[in-house]
Amino acid sequence: EARDLIWENVNVPHDSMRRRVLLGKGLCLWGVLVWAIPVSAIQVAASPETIQRAFPHMVDWMQKNLGKVWSLLVGYLPVLALLILLVLLPTALRWLSIYVEVRKTNSEISISVLGRNFAFQFFSLWLMVFSSSLLDSVKQIWDHPSCISSILGRSIPQVSVYFLTFVIARIGISLPLLLLRIPAIWSLLAGSEPSPVSCTFETEVTNISIVFVLALMYCVVAPAMNIACMIYFGLAIGIYKWLFVYVYKTEFDLNGQTWYKTFVGLIVGALAGTTSLTGLATIFHGPNSPQVWALFILPILILIFAYDCKKRFWTFSETLSYRAAVELDEQQENGWVYDGQYFVDAILKDAETLAEVKEAVLEAVEEEGGDQSTSSGESEESLP
């Protein structure tokens, strides 16, 4: 559809776009590998020690007079700094898709940004868990592959408070900002009419998926996470319902393609959660205990479930049969007159051509039948 096109990129040759997409994927891979640098820099800058060195007098005054406020600030400031970085990330990824990869449709750009945004956010969680760069943590697992469950079992529970604070910040900041709509308020104050707003699926779906991944990872290890996630999703249901009914306008149709990227991310989160739970059992009961072997079945069952969904539903959901297309067109109520001839090949619409095709088909069937009769007669004669 026309509203889905990026008209500035329409005339870019396909070969050029393919090379640019490869370049964009290379840049994203490089970005994931060095993602530890900005994340670690933000965490260091927001740490209490850095604030103490930068503002010693103010920190001393707050500790003496506003101790609870200082404790709250120290607990939430690293999380808020990470949230600001994650808010800016989709804008950079969208700029990469439009101006570097020169993708031609908004839907393609949204799906691309969604997958990459989820990858960067998931690796942000990874960095918080291992407190090291991606390469260092992978090297740690590579050197001790048999201990991956125990490594996750020791690392993931240690940062449960941080991620609980992360979800609470989503509840208290991210969701209310969706209702606040600062650009609309600014337009009203300026005396102009607010511009229409559409849902940025690449951002909102990723935020919801990350919270769901945290729920899967900590549902057993840190039960308090379940309460925070329940509150988040309970509020999100009401907020998004109101936004989609009264605020958001339809910009273009993604045709449900966001689910493919989301499904992969949720499976990864479920694997991380069950693997860490297996690691905890390994630490407390030993690697050969019945509890470990029983929990070891869970990641295998998740992989089987993912493979079954991909084989049975994924492939078929990416196609649409002609019968389903005809039924959908018959149900249109926007004044469009349905005509069954729309689904007939243009060549076959000509009566003479159709008659010739039918005659050729009949001749082919008769010849095939004659050949089969001849071959069967020859085979009978060859029998003793």
Foldseek 3Di string as FASTA:
>chain_A
DVLFWPVVLPPPDPVLLVVLVVVLVVVLVVCLQCVCVVLVVLLVCLAPVNVCVVCVVVLVVCCVPVVVVSVVSNLQRSLVSVVVVLVCQLVVQLCSVCPRSVDTTNLVSLLSSLLSSLSNVVSSVVCQQVVDGPVVVVVVCVVPVVLVLLSLLVRVLVCLSSVLSNLVCCVVPVLVCLVVVVQQVVCVVVVHHRDAAADSCSRPVSVLLVLLLSCLQCVPSPVVSVVSSVSNVVSVVVSVVCCVVPGHDDSDDSLPPNVVSSVVSNLVSNLSNLSNVLSNCCVPPNCPDPVNVVSVVRNVVSVVVVVVCCVPPVVVSVDDDPVNVLVVVVPDDPPDDDDPCVPPDPQCVDPVSVVVVVVVVVVVVVVVVVVVVVVVVVVVVPDD
